[in-house]
C-alpha atoms as a PDB file:
ATOM      1  CA  MET A   1     -26.669  26.990  39.774  1.00  0.00           C
ATOM      2  CA  GLY A   2     -23.189  26.669  38.012  1.00  0.00           C
ATOM      3  CA  SER A   3     -24.802  24.741  35.181  1.00  0.00           C
ATOM      4  CA  ARG A   4     -27.183  27.540  34.521  1.00  0.00           C
ATOM      5  CA  ARG A   5     -24.592  30.185  34.285  1.00  0.00           C
ATOM      6  CA  HIS A   6     -22.630  27.988  31.740  1.00  0.00           C
ATOM      7  CA  TRP A   7     -25.840  27.757  29.560  1.00  0.00           C
ATOM      8  CA  LEU A   8     -26.437  31.514  29.750  1.00  0.00           C
ATOM      9  CA  TYR A   9     -22.643  32.079  28.729  1.00  0.00           C
ATOM     10  CA  ALA A  10     -23.104  29.596  25.677  1.00  0.00           C
ATOM     11  CA  ILE A  11     -26.210  31.437  24.559  1.00  0.00           C
ATOM     12  CA  ALA A  12     -24.732  34.676  24.627  1.00  0.00           C
ATOM     13  CA  VAL A  13     -21.657  33.583  22.796  1.00  0.00           C
ATOM     14  CA  ALA A  14     -23.730  32.160  20.055  1.00  0.00           C
ATOM     15  CA  ALA A  15     -25.845  35.237  19.815  1.00  0.00           C
ATOM     16  CA  VAL A  16     -22.753  37.611  19.462  1.00  0.00           C
ATOM     17  CA  ALA A  17     -21.334  35.159  16.883  1.00  0.00           C
ATOM     18  CA  THR A  18     -24.386  35.089  14.965  1.00  0.00           C
ATOM     19  CA  SER A  19     -24.664  38.774  14.995  1.00  0.00           C
ATOM     20  CA  ALA A  20     -21.286  39.272  13.685  1.00  0.00           C
ATOM     21  CA  THR A  21     -21.762  37.199  10.820  1.00  0.00           C
ATOM     22  CA  ALA A  22     -25.164  38.465   9.986  1.00  0.00           C
ATOM     23  CA  ALA A  23     -23.070  41.875   9.851  1.00  0.00           C
ATOM     24  CA  GLU A  24     -20.610  40.530   7.306  1.00  0.00           C
ATOM     25  CA  LEU A  25     -23.262  39.281   4.874  1.00  0.00           C
ATOM     26  CA  PRO A  26     -24.415  42.155   2.549  1.00  0.00           C
ATOM     27  CA  THR A  27     -28.324  42.573   2.339  1.00  0.00           C
ATOM     28  CA  SER A  28     -29.946  42.752  -1.339  1.00  0.00           C
ATOM     29  CA  PRO A  29     -30.782  46.455  -1.069  1.00  0.00           C
ATOM     30  CA  ALA A  30     -27.088  47.022  -0.493  1.00  0.00           C
ATOM     31  CA  ILE A  31     -25.963  45.637  -3.712  1.00  0.00           C
ATOM     32  CA  PRO A  32     -25.893  48.157  -6.753  1.00  0.00           C
ATOM     33  CA  GLN A  33     -28.181  47.403  -9.346  1.00  0.00           C
ATOM     34  CA  SER A  34     -25.947  48.631 -12.077  1.00  0.00           C
ATOM     35  CA  VAL A  35     -23.380  45.954 -11.114  1.00  0.00           C
ATOM     36  CA  PHE A  36     -25.565  43.427 -12.711  1.00  0.00           C
ATOM     37  CA  VAL A  37     -26.689  45.492 -15.687  1.00  0.00           C
ATOM     38  CA  PRO A  38     -23.979  46.227 -18.257  1.00  0.00           C
ATOM     39  CA  LYS A  39     -23.931  49.699 -19.727  1.00  0.00           C
ATOM     40  CA  VAL A  40     -25.492  49.683 -23.024  1.00  0.00           C
ATOM     41  CA  TYR A  41     -24.446  51.901 -26.026  1.00  0.00           C
ATOM     42  CA  PRO A  42     -26.309  52.597 -29.492  1.00  0.00           C
ATOM     43  CA  GLN A  43     -25.059  51.343 -32.407  1.00  0.00           C
ATOM     44  CA  TRP A  44     -27.299  53.103 -34.843  1.00  0.00           C
ATOM     45  CA  GLU A  45     -28.382  56.781 -35.291  1.00  0.00           C
ATOM     46  CA  ILE A  46     -31.518  57.286 -37.647  1.00  0.00           C
ATOM     47  CA  ASP A  47     -33.345  60.597 -38.821  1.00  0.00           C
ATOM     48  CA  ILE A  48     -36.539  60.521 -40.895  1.00  0.00           C
ATOM     49  CA  GLY A  49     -38.791  63.460 -41.916  1.00  0.00           C
ATOM     50  CA  GLY A  50     -40.300  65.426 -44.384  1.00  0.00           C
ATOM     51  CA  ARG A  51     -40.130  68.874 -46.010  1.00  0.00           C
ATOM     52  CA  TYR A  52     -41.878  71.440 -47.825  1.00  0.00           C
ATOM     53  CA  PHE A  53     -39.560  73.273 -50.734  1.00  0.00           C
ATOM     54  CA  PHE A  54     -40.553  76.593 -52.266  1.00  0.00           C
ATOM     55  CA  SER A  55     -38.100  77.473 -54.938  1.00  0.00           C
ATOM     56  CA  SER A  56     -37.476  79.495 -58.178  1.00  0.00           C
ATOM     57  CA  GLY A  57     -35.332  78.467 -61.036  1.00  0.00           C
ATOM     58  CA  ARG A  58     -34.051  79.423 -64.521  1.00  0.00           C
ATOM     59  CA  THR A  59     -33.420  77.411 -67.513  1.00  0.00           C
ATOM     60  CA  GLN A  60     -31.634  78.281 -70.876  1.00  0.00           C
ATOM     61  CA  SER A  61     -31.000  76.391 -74.081  1.00  0.00           C
ATOM     62  CA  ASP A  62     -28.913  77.787 -77.089  1.00  0.00           C
ATOM     63  CA  LEU A  63     -29.121  76.113 -80.474  1.00  0.00           C
ATOM     64  CA  PHE A  64     -26.076  76.446 -82.825  1.00  0.00           C
ATOM     65  CA  GLY A  65     -26.102  75.378 -86.559  1.00  0.00           C
ATOM     66  CA  VAL A  66     -23.056  74.612 -88.508  1.00  0.00           C
ATOM     67  CA  ILE A  67     -22.764  75.290 -92.494  1.00  0.00           C
ATOM     68  CA  GLY A  68     -18.980  74.780 -93.587  1.00  0.00           C
ATOM     69  CA  GLY A  69     -17.511  76.598 -90.735  1.00  0.00           C
ATOM     70  CA  PRO A  70     -17.693  77.673 -87.090  1.00  0.00           C
ATOM     71  CA  PRO A  71     -21.066  77.312 -85.219  1.00  0.00           C
ATOM     72  CA  ILE A  72     -23.725  79.918 -85.896  1.00  0.00           C
ATOM     73  CA  PHE A  73     -25.841  81.200 -83.051  1.00  0.00           C
ATOM     74  CA  LEU A  74     -29.684  80.350 -84.130  1.00  0.00           C
ATOM     75  CA  SER A  75     -31.512  80.844 -81.046  1.00  0.00           C
ATOM     76  CA  ARG A  76     -32.300  80.688 -77.409  1.00  0.00           C
ATOM     77  CA  LEU A  77     -35.270  79.667 -75.113  1.00  0.00           C
ATOM     78  CA  THR A  78     -34.980  81.271 -71.667  1.00  0.00           C
ATOM     79  CA  TRP A  79     -37.210  80.190 -68.969  1.00  0.00           C
ATOM     80  CA  THR A  80     -37.338  82.694 -65.940  1.00  0.00           C
ATOM     81  CA  GLY A  81     -39.364  83.085 -62.582  1.00  0.00           C
ATOM     82  CA  LEU A  82     -39.857  79.281 -62.660  1.00  0.00           C
ATOM     83  CA  GLN A  83     -41.634  79.324 -58.922  1.00  0.00           C
ATOM     84  CA  ALA A  84     -42.240  75.821 -57.878  1.00  0.00           C
ATOM     85  CA  GLN A  85     -43.648  74.223 -54.821  1.00  0.00           C
ATOM     86  CA  SER A  86     -42.650  70.460 -53.613  1.00  0.00           C
ATOM     87  CA  GLY A  87     -42.979  68.029 -50.867  1.00  0.00           C
ATOM     88  CA  GLU A  88     -40.161  65.467 -50.183  1.00  0.00           C
ATOM     89  CA  VAL A  89     -39.160  62.641 -47.720  1.00  0.00           C
ATOM     90  CA  PHE A  90     -35.767  62.224 -46.442  1.00  0.00           C
ATOM     91  CA  GLY A  91     -33.625  59.996 -44.133  1.00  0.00           C
ATOM     92  CA  ARG A  92     -30.198  59.278 -42.790  1.00  0.00           C
ATOM     93  CA  VAL A  93     -28.599  56.522 -41.001  1.00  0.00           C
ATOM     94  CA  ASP A  94     -25.308  56.624 -39.137  1.00  0.00           C
ATOM     95  CA  HIS A  95     -23.581  53.530 -37.910  1.00  0.00           C
ATOM     96  CA  LEU A  96     -21.905  55.233 -34.941  1.00  0.00           C
ATOM     97  CA  ARG A  97     -19.055  52.858 -34.288  1.00  0.00           C
ATOM     98  CA  SER A  98     -17.599  52.773 -37.805  1.00  0.00           C
ATOM     99  CA  GLY A  99     -18.844  55.964 -38.800  1.00  0.00           C
ATOM    100  CA  PHE A 100     -20.297  54.915 -42.133  1.00  0.00           C
ATOM    101  CA  PHE A 101     -23.689  56.568 -42.929  1.00  0.00           C
ATOM    102  CA  ILE A 102     -26.467  56.429 -45.970  1.00  0.00           C
ATOM    103  CA  LYS A 103     -28.599  59.350 -46.699  1.00  0.00           C
ATOM    104  CA  GLY A 104     -30.840  60.653 -49.330  1.00  0.00           C
ATOM    105  CA  PHE A 105     -34.260  62.494 -50.070  1.00  0.00           C
ATOM    106  CA  ALA A 106     -36.889  62.380 -52.872  1.00  0.00           C
ATOM    107  CA  GLY A 107     -39.490  64.947 -53.682  1.00  0.00           C
ATOM    108  CA  GLY A 108     -41.568  66.303 -56.543  1.00  0.00           C
ATOM    109  CA  GLY A 109     -44.045  68.982 -57.216  1.00  0.00           C
ATOM    110  CA  ALA A 110     -45.572  71.521 -59.693  1.00  0.00           C
ATOM    111  CA  ILE A 111     -43.643  74.629 -61.435  1.00  0.00           C
ATOM    112  CA  THR A 112     -46.655  76.816 -60.991  1.00  0.00           C
ATOM    113  CA  ARG A 113     -45.305  80.220 -62.696  1.00  0.00           C
ATOM    114  CA  GLY A 114     -42.866  81.480 -65.196  1.00  0.00           C
ATOM    115  CA  ASN A 115     -42.086  82.960 -68.495  1.00  0.00           C
ATOM    116  CA  LEU A 116     -40.487  81.830 -71.576  1.00  0.00           C
ATOM    117  CA  GLN A 117     -38.610  84.389 -74.036  1.00  0.00           C
ATOM    118  CA  ASP A 118     -37.856  82.640 -77.226  1.00  0.00           C
ATOM    119  CA  GLU A 119     -35.292  84.447 -79.408  1.00  0.00           C
ATOM    120  CA  ASP A 120     -34.314  84.029 -83.108  1.00  0.00           C
ATOM    121  CA  PHE A 121     -31.209  85.553 -84.507  1.00  0.00           C
ATOM    122  CA  PRO A 122     -30.036  86.723 -87.978  1.00  0.00           C
ATOM    123  CA  PRO A 123     -29.178  85.492 -90.532  1.00  0.00           C
ATOM    124  CA  PHE A 124     -31.442  82.584 -90.642  1.00  0.00           C
ATOM    125  CA  THR A 125     -34.180  84.697 -88.931  1.00  0.00           C
ATOM    126  CA  PHE A 126     -34.313  88.481 -89.961  1.00  0.00           C
ATOM    127  CA  PRO A 127     -35.105  90.791 -88.513  1.00  0.00           C
ATOM    128  CA  TYR A 128     -34.385  89.463 -85.025  1.00  0.00           C
ATOM    129  CA  SER A 129     -37.303  88.047 -83.193  1.00  0.00           C
ATOM    130  CA  SER A 130     -38.117  87.899 -79.427  1.00  0.00           C
ATOM    131  CA  THR A 131     -41.334  86.638 -78.248  1.00  0.00           C
ATOM    132  CA  ASN A 132     -42.930  86.015 -74.581  1.00  0.00           C
ATOM    133  CA  SER A 133     -45.113  83.082 -73.658  1.00  0.00           C
ATOM    134  CA  GLU A 134     -46.574  82.080 -70.157  1.00  0.00           C
ATOM    135  CA  GLN A 135     -45.378  79.127 -68.353  1.00  0.00           C
ATOM    136  CA  ARG A 136     -47.554  77.042 -66.396  1.00  0.00           C
ATOM    137  CA  ASP A 137     -48.842  73.366 -65.325  1.00  0.00           C
ATOM    138  CA  GLY A 138     -44.909  72.503 -65.197  1.00  0.00           C
ATOM    139  CA  ARG A 139     -43.569  69.669 -63.165  1.00  0.00           C
ATOM    140  CA  LEU A 140     -40.293  68.911 -61.312  1.00  0.00           C
ATOM    141  CA  ALA A 141     -39.012  65.673 -59.550  1.00  0.00           C
ATOM    142  CA  TYR A 142     -35.706  65.010 -57.886  1.00  0.00           C
ATOM    143  CA  ALA A 143     -33.897  62.395 -55.674  1.00  0.00           C
ATOM    144  CA  THR A 144     -30.231  61.878 -54.233  1.00  0.00           C
ATOM    145  CA  LEU A 145     -28.693  58.904 -52.602  1.00  0.00           C
ATOM    146  CA  ASP A 146     -25.199  59.268 -50.925  1.00  0.00           C
ATOM    147  CA  LEU A 147     -23.122  56.745 -49.125  1.00  0.00           C
ATOM    148  CA  GLY A 148     -20.359  58.102 -46.929  1.00  0.00           C
ATOM    149  CA  TRP A 149     -18.121  58.202 -43.675  1.00  0.00           C
ATOM    150  CA  ALA A 150     -18.061  60.735 -40.849  1.00  0.00           C
ATOM    151  CA  THR A 151     -16.037  61.408 -37.896  1.00  0.00           C
ATOM    152  CA  ASN A 152     -16.238  63.696 -34.785  1.00  0.00           C
ATOM    153  CA  ILE A 153     -13.316  66.112 -34.956  1.00  0.00           C
ATOM    154  CA  LEU A 154     -14.307  68.392 -31.906  1.00  0.00           C
ATOM    155  CA  ASP A 155     -16.855  68.185 -29.345  1.00  0.00           C
ATOM    156  CA  GLY A 156     -20.180  68.494 -31.150  1.00  0.00           C
ATOM    157  CA  VAL A 157     -18.715  68.899 -34.416  1.00  0.00           C
ATOM    158  CA  LYS A 158     -18.879  66.115 -37.196  1.00  0.00           C
ATOM    159  CA  ILE A 159     -17.605  66.254 -40.678  1.00  0.00           C
ATOM    160  CA  GLY A 160     -18.117  63.743 -43.440  1.00  0.00           C
ATOM    161  CA  PHE A 161     -17.261  62.734 -47.074  1.00  0.00           C
ATOM    162  CA  PHE A 162     -19.756  60.906 -49.379  1.00  0.00           C
ATOM    163  CA  ALA A 163     -20.297  59.601 -53.205  1.00  0.00           C
ATOM    164  CA  GLY A 164     -23.687  59.200 -54.598  1.00  0.00           C
ATOM    165  CA  TYR A 165     -26.383  59.797 -57.247  1.00  0.00           C
ATOM    166  CA  SER A 166     -28.624  62.723 -58.370  1.00  0.00           C
ATOM    167  CA  TYR A 167     -31.599  62.539 -60.149  1.00  0.00           C
ATOM    168  CA  ASN A 168     -33.556  65.766 -61.479  1.00  0.00           C
ATOM    169  CA  TYR A 169     -36.687  65.957 -63.770  1.00  0.00           C
ATOM    170  CA  GLU A 170     -38.170  69.188 -65.182  1.00  0.00           C
ATOM    171  CA  ARG A 171     -41.139  69.623 -67.688  1.00  0.00           C
ATOM    172  CA  LEU A 172     -41.688  73.228 -68.846  1.00  0.00           C
ATOM    173  CA  ASN A 173     -44.834  74.337 -70.742  1.00  0.00           C
ATOM    174  CA  ALA A 174     -45.272  77.402 -72.757  1.00  0.00           C
ATOM    175  CA  PHE A 175     -48.632  78.762 -73.521  1.00  0.00           C
ATOM    176  CA  GLY A 176     -49.268  82.049 -76.013  1.00  0.00           C
ATOM    177  CA  CYS A 177     -46.884  84.043 -78.140  1.00  0.00           C
ATOM    178  CA  VAL A 178     -46.463  87.845 -78.055  1.00  0.00           C
ATOM    179  CA  GLN A 179     -43.757  89.522 -80.090  1.00  0.00           C
ATOM    180  CA  THR A 180     -41.597  92.011 -78.111  1.00  0.00           C
ATOM    181  CA  ALA A 181     -39.016  92.871 -80.778  1.00  0.00           C
ATOM    182  CA  LEU A 182     -39.607  94.075 -84.535  1.00  0.00           C
ATOM    183  CA  ASN A 183     -40.092  90.755 -86.203  1.00  0.00           C
ATOM    184  CA  PRO A 184     -43.740  90.808 -87.950  1.00  0.00           C
ATOM    185  CA  PHE A 185     -43.592  87.238 -89.090  1.00  0.00           C
ATOM    186  CA  ILE A 186     -43.616  85.414 -85.700  1.00  0.00           C
ATOM    187  CA  CYS A 187     -46.384  86.335 -83.584  1.00  0.00           C
ATOM    188  CA  GLY A 188     -46.134  89.898 -84.551  1.00  0.00           C
ATOM    189  CA  ILE A 189     -49.240  90.730 -86.706  1.00  0.00           C
ATOM    190  CA  ALA A 190     -51.738  87.944 -84.982  1.00  0.00           C
ATOM    191  CA  PRO A 191     -50.330  86.928 -81.401  1.00  0.00           C
ATOM    192  CA  ILE A 192     -51.379  83.450 -80.193  1.00  0.00           C
ATOM    193  CA  PRO A 193     -53.667  83.563 -77.196  1.00  0.00           C
ATOM    194  CA  SER A 194     -52.481  82.208 -73.943  1.00  0.00           C
ATOM    195  CA  SER A 195     -55.117  78.922 -74.279  1.00  0.00           C
ATOM    196  CA  VAL A 196     -52.738  77.531 -77.016  1.00  0.00           C
ATOM    197  CA  ALA A 197     -49.715  75.449 -76.004  1.00  0.00           C
ATOM    198  CA  VAL A 198     -46.809  76.510 -78.207  1.00  0.00           C
ATOM    199  CA  ILE A 199     -43.642  74.939 -76.642  1.00  0.00           C
ATOM    200  CA  THR A 200     -42.784  72.088 -73.983  1.00  0.00           C
ATOM    201  CA  GLU A 201     -39.427  71.116 -73.089  1.00  0.00           C
ATOM    202  CA  ARG A 202     -38.549  68.078 -70.923  1.00  0.00           C
ATOM    203  CA  PHE A 203     -35.011  67.637 -69.304  1.00  0.00           C
ATOM    204  CA  THR A 204     -33.857  64.584 -67.262  1.00  0.00           C
ATOM    205  CA  TRP A 205     -30.536  64.681 -65.581  1.00  0.00           C
ATOM    206  CA  ASN A 206     -28.838  61.828 -63.874  1.00  0.00           C
ATOM    207  CA  ALA A 207     -25.458  62.667 -62.362  1.00  0.00           C
ATOM    208  CA  ILE A 208     -22.705  61.529 -59.963  1.00  0.00           C
ATOM    209  CA  ARG A 209     -22.336  63.247 -56.754  1.00  0.00           C
ATOM    210  CA  LEU A 210     -18.878  63.825 -54.731  1.00  0.00           C
ATOM    211  CA  GLY A 211     -18.840  66.043 -51.704  1.00  0.00           C
ATOM    212  CA  PHE A 212     -18.701  66.668 -47.926  1.00  0.00           C
ATOM    213  CA  ASN A 213     -20.969  67.548 -45.210  1.00  0.00           C
ATOM    214  CA  GLY A 214     -20.895  68.706 -41.550  1.00  0.00           C
ATOM    215  CA  GLU A 215     -23.028  69.000 -38.471  1.00  0.00           C
ATOM    216  CA  TRP A 216     -22.564  71.411 -35.517  1.00  0.00           C
ATOM    217  CA  ARG A 217     -24.486  70.767 -32.357  1.00  0.00           C
ATOM    218  CA  PHE A 218     -24.471  73.669 -29.907  1.00  0.00           C
ATOM    219  CA  GLY A 219     -26.337  75.360 -27.311  1.00  0.00           C
ATOM    220  CA  ASP A 220     -29.308  73.401 -26.001  1.00  0.00           C
ATOM    221  CA  GLY A 221     -30.474  71.441 -28.876  1.00  0.00           C
ATOM    222  CA  TRP A 222     -29.315  73.508 -31.743  1.00  0.00           C
ATOM    223  CA  ILE A 223     -28.177  71.656 -35.135  1.00  0.00           C
ATOM    224  CA  PHE A 224     -26.363  73.419 -37.775  1.00  0.00           C
ATOM    225  CA  SER A 225     -25.725  71.101 -40.943  1.00  0.00           C
ATOM    226  CA  ALA A 226     -24.410  71.890 -44.263  1.00  0.00           C
ATOM    227  CA  ASP A 227     -23.727  69.718 -47.668  1.00  0.00           C
ATOM    228  CA  LEU A 228     -21.501  70.713 -50.696  1.00  0.00           C
ATOM    229  CA  ALA A 229     -21.654  68.307 -53.800  1.00  0.00           C
ATOM    230  CA  TRP A 230     -19.680  68.518 -56.790  1.00  0.00           C
ATOM    231  CA  LEU A 231     -21.297  66.659 -59.887  1.00  0.00           C
ATOM    232  CA  PRO A 232     -18.291  65.662 -61.983  1.00  0.00           C
ATOM    233  CA  TRP A 233     -20.220  63.810 -64.676  1.00  0.00           C
ATOM    234  CA  ALA A 234     -23.924  63.940 -65.678  1.00  0.00           C
ATOM    235  CA  TRP A 235     -26.124  62.903 -68.431  1.00  0.00           C
ATOM    236  CA  LEU A 236     -28.896  64.668 -70.026  1.00  0.00           C
ATOM    237  CA  ASN A 237     -31.887  63.220 -71.956  1.00  0.00           C
ATOM    238  CA  ALA A 238     -34.137  65.974 -73.167  1.00  0.00           C
ATOM    239  CA  ALA A 239     -36.863  66.680 -75.709  1.00  0.00           C
ATOM    240  CA  ASP A 240     -38.098  70.080 -77.081  1.00  0.00           C
ATOM    241  CA  THR A 241     -41.391  70.040 -78.752  1.00  0.00           C
ATOM    242  CA  HIS A 242     -42.519  73.094 -80.876  1.00  0.00           C
ATOM    243  CA  PHE A 243     -46.267  72.428 -81.507  1.00  0.00           C
ATOM    244  CA  LEU A 244     -46.586  74.899 -84.283  1.00  0.00           C
ATOM    245  CA  THR A 245     -43.588  74.313 -86.240  1.00  0.00           C
ATOM    246  CA  PHE A 246     -40.855  71.396 -86.298  1.00  0.00           C
ATOM    247  CA  GLY A 247     -42.487  69.114 -83.673  1.00  0.00           C
ATOM    248  CA  THR A 248     -40.311  67.352 -81.207  1.00  0.00           C
ATOM    249  CA  ALA A 249     -36.521  67.189 -81.215  1.00  0.00           C
ATOM    250  CA  PRO A 250     -34.289  64.900 -79.007  1.00  0.00           C
ATOM    251  CA  GLU A 251     -31.710  66.480 -76.896  1.00  0.00           C
ATOM    252  CA  THR A 252     -28.767  64.381 -75.242  1.00  0.00           C
ATOM    253  CA  ALA A 253     -25.391  65.585 -73.677  1.00  0.00           C
ATOM    254  CA  GLY A 254     -22.887  64.464 -70.965  1.00  0.00           C
ATOM    255  CA  SER A 255     -19.616  65.529 -69.201  1.00  0.00           C
ATOM    256  CA  PHE A 256     -21.100  68.149 -66.847  1.00  0.00           C
ATOM    257  CA  SER A 257     -19.355  69.938 -64.019  1.00  0.00           C
ATOM    258  CA  ASP A 258     -21.533  71.667 -61.292  1.00  0.00           C
ATOM    259  CA  VAL A 259     -22.739  71.995 -57.797  1.00  0.00           C
ATOM    260  CA  GLN A 260     -25.537  71.189 -55.276  1.00  0.00           C
ATOM    261  CA  VAL A 261     -25.458  73.225 -52.081  1.00  0.00           C
ATOM    262  CA  GLU A 262     -27.699  72.959 -49.016  1.00  0.00           C
ATOM    263  CA  ALA A 263     -27.490  74.384 -45.315  1.00  0.00           C
ATOM    264  CA  LEU A 264     -29.913  73.643 -42.539  1.00  0.00           C
ATOM    265  CA  LEU A 265     -30.638  75.064 -38.953  1.00  0.00           C
ATOM    266  CA  ARG A 266     -32.982  73.009 -36.845  1.00  0.00           C
ATOM    267  CA  TYR A 267     -33.807  72.641 -33.085  1.00  0.00           C
ATOM    268  CA  GLN A 268     -34.195  69.271 -31.656  1.00  0.00           C
ATOM    269  CA  PHE A 269     -36.372  68.629 -28.700  1.00  0.00           C
ATOM    270  CA  VAL A 270     -35.321  66.070 -26.129  1.00  0.00           C
ATOM    271  CA  ASN A 271     -38.043  63.432 -27.382  1.00  0.00           C
ATOM    272  CA  GLY A 272     -36.355  63.273 -30.710  1.00  0.00           C
ATOM    273  CA  LEU A 273     -38.356  65.481 -32.683  1.00  0.00           C
ATOM    274  CA  SER A 274     -37.059  68.491 -34.308  1.00  0.00           C
ATOM    275  CA  VAL A 275     -38.013  71.246 -36.605  1.00  0.00           C
ATOM    276  CA  GLY A 276     -35.643  73.440 -39.004  1.00  0.00           C
ATOM    277  CA  VAL A 277     -35.370  75.767 -41.860  1.00  0.00           C
ATOM    278  CA  GLY A 278     -32.720  75.546 -44.881  1.00  0.00           C
ATOM    279  CA  GLY A 279     -31.833  76.882 -48.144  1.00  0.00           C
ATOM    280  CA  ARG A 280     -30.625  75.135 -51.316  1.00  0.00           C
ATOM    281  CA  TYR A 281     -28.862  76.092 -54.474  1.00  0.00           C
ATOM    282  CA  TRP A 282     -28.443  73.748 -57.485  1.00  0.00           C
ATOM    283  CA  ARG A 283     -26.759  74.348 -60.867  1.00  0.00           C
ATOM    284  CA  ILE A 284     -26.053  72.113 -63.781  1.00  0.00           C
ATOM    285  CA  ASP A 285     -25.150  72.851 -67.381  1.00  0.00           C
ATOM    286  CA  SER A 286     -23.455  71.663 -70.340  1.00  0.00           C
ATOM    287  CA  SER A 287     -21.971  73.246 -73.666  1.00  0.00           C
ATOM    288  CA  ALA A 288     -21.612  69.927 -75.341  1.00  0.00           C
ATOM    289  CA  ALA A 289     -25.195  68.912 -75.906  1.00  0.00           C
ATOM    290  CA  GLN A 290     -26.617  68.086 -79.329  1.00  0.00           C
ATOM    291  CA  THR A 291     -30.082  67.948 -80.853  1.00  0.00           C
ATOM    292  CA  THR A 292     -31.648  66.764 -84.096  1.00  0.00           C
ATOM    293  CA  ILE A 293     -33.723  69.163 -86.314  1.00  0.00           C
ATOM    294  CA  GLU A 294     -33.894  67.637 -89.755  1.00  0.00           C
ATOM    295  CA  VAL A 295     -29.961  67.504 -89.159  1.00  0.00           C
ATOM    296  CA  PRO A 296     -27.520  67.298 -85.858  1.00  0.00           C
ATOM    297  CA  GLN A 297     -27.150  70.671 -84.387  1.00  0.00           C
ATOM    298  CA  GLY A 298     -25.071  71.671 -81.282  1.00  0.00           C
ATOM    299  CA  LEU A 299     -26.791  72.811 -78.128  1.00  0.00           C
ATOM    300  CA  SER A 300     -26.021  74.242 -74.593  1.00  0.00           C
ATOM    301  CA  VAL A 301     -27.902  73.757 -71.777  1.00  0.00           C
ATOM    302  CA  SER A 302     -27.978  75.428 -68.261  1.00  0.00           C
ATOM    303  CA  SER A 303     -30.379  74.901 -65.461  1.00  0.00           C
ATOM    304  CA  GLN A 304     -30.341  76.574 -61.874  1.00  0.00           C
ATOM    305  CA  ARG A 305     -32.913  76.039 -59.009  1.00  0.00           C
ATOM    306  CA  TRP A 306     -32.790  78.018 -55.508  1.00  0.00           C
ATOM    307  CA  GLY A 307     -35.072  78.130 -52.772  1.00  0.00           C
ATOM    308  CA  VAL A 308     -35.873  77.607 -49.009  1.00  0.00           C
ATOM    309  CA  PHE A 309     -37.436  74.551 -47.442  1.00  0.00           C
ATOM    310  CA  LEU A 310     -39.244  73.764 -43.874  1.00  0.00           C
ATOM    311  CA  GLN A 311     -38.748  70.357 -42.327  1.00  0.00           C
ATOM    312  CA  GLY A 312     -39.989  68.226 -39.566  1.00  0.00           C
ATOM    313  CA  SER A 313     -37.826  65.017 -38.437  1.00  0.00           C
ATOM    314  CA  TYR A 314     -37.746  62.525 -35.658  1.00  0.00           C
ATOM    315  CA  ARG A 315     -34.104  61.078 -34.662  1.00  0.00           C
ATOM    316  CA  PHE A 316     -33.863  57.732 -32.537  1.00  0.00           C
ATOM    317  CA  TYR A 317     -31.227  55.330 -31.749  1.00  0.00           C
ATOM    318  CA  VAL A 318     -30.934  51.362 -31.941  1.00  0.00           C
ATOM    319  CA  VAL A 319     -28.874  49.276 -29.911  1.00  0.00           C
ATOM    320  CA  ASN A 320     -28.286  46.452 -32.142  1.00  0.00           C
END
């Protein structure tokens, strides 16, 4: 009988010890999974998308001649109401840890409307002449590429600085000719019908861009961003073709100082897609251009474009 009690006592002690040991060992469901998986931070933020750009513009060329004295104002070509429609693609890549980024866009389309006023001034043209022609079948193409650095200055507010390159091409075509002043010798007695091409001008600008941009994220998914670029130097290669008179004259210039401004408001959904609307203003000009019509002559060129755009984009993140 005493032997049986000893065995029961030993079994009870072993059971208690086993239960205590088991209570000290953690079971697998009690171990948090996050202990074994380090937190991952994205390294790259990438935006890609497309835009539709509806714009209008104005381009002016002033021609000067020199005969033994100061320049003499000879003629002016003024293109107004240059409505255009274009499509473009764009992208931006930010390295989140360092703050460096690369961004850019490229687009092109048609200049569908517009008017050319061609003025010639005394003493070389007498009396004063002013003619109107219809602009159609024009073309434009443009692109920018910027490298920069950005930093967060407040919660949701980021500013950056960049340097880059800008390309802009414009081809304008004038058809017909109607005299609107009192000169009977230039399209006065017999106007030229609008089926006849009279003038084509082509402009190609290559420019350096310096500027800054900013981004403000607010509300629940709203983002406002803006770019301001200064063009401290640019090069113009152009050609002016008068089909009914002197033919084609090359035009060149450098040393510009102009601006490109852009602002955008968009809404980003939780899946990374966003839609937005924005506006632009571009201006570039030079008073130091030169053309050759039999002899070298001075030229002043000015061009502006402004408009609104609609865009859709997708933003995503990359870990490595």
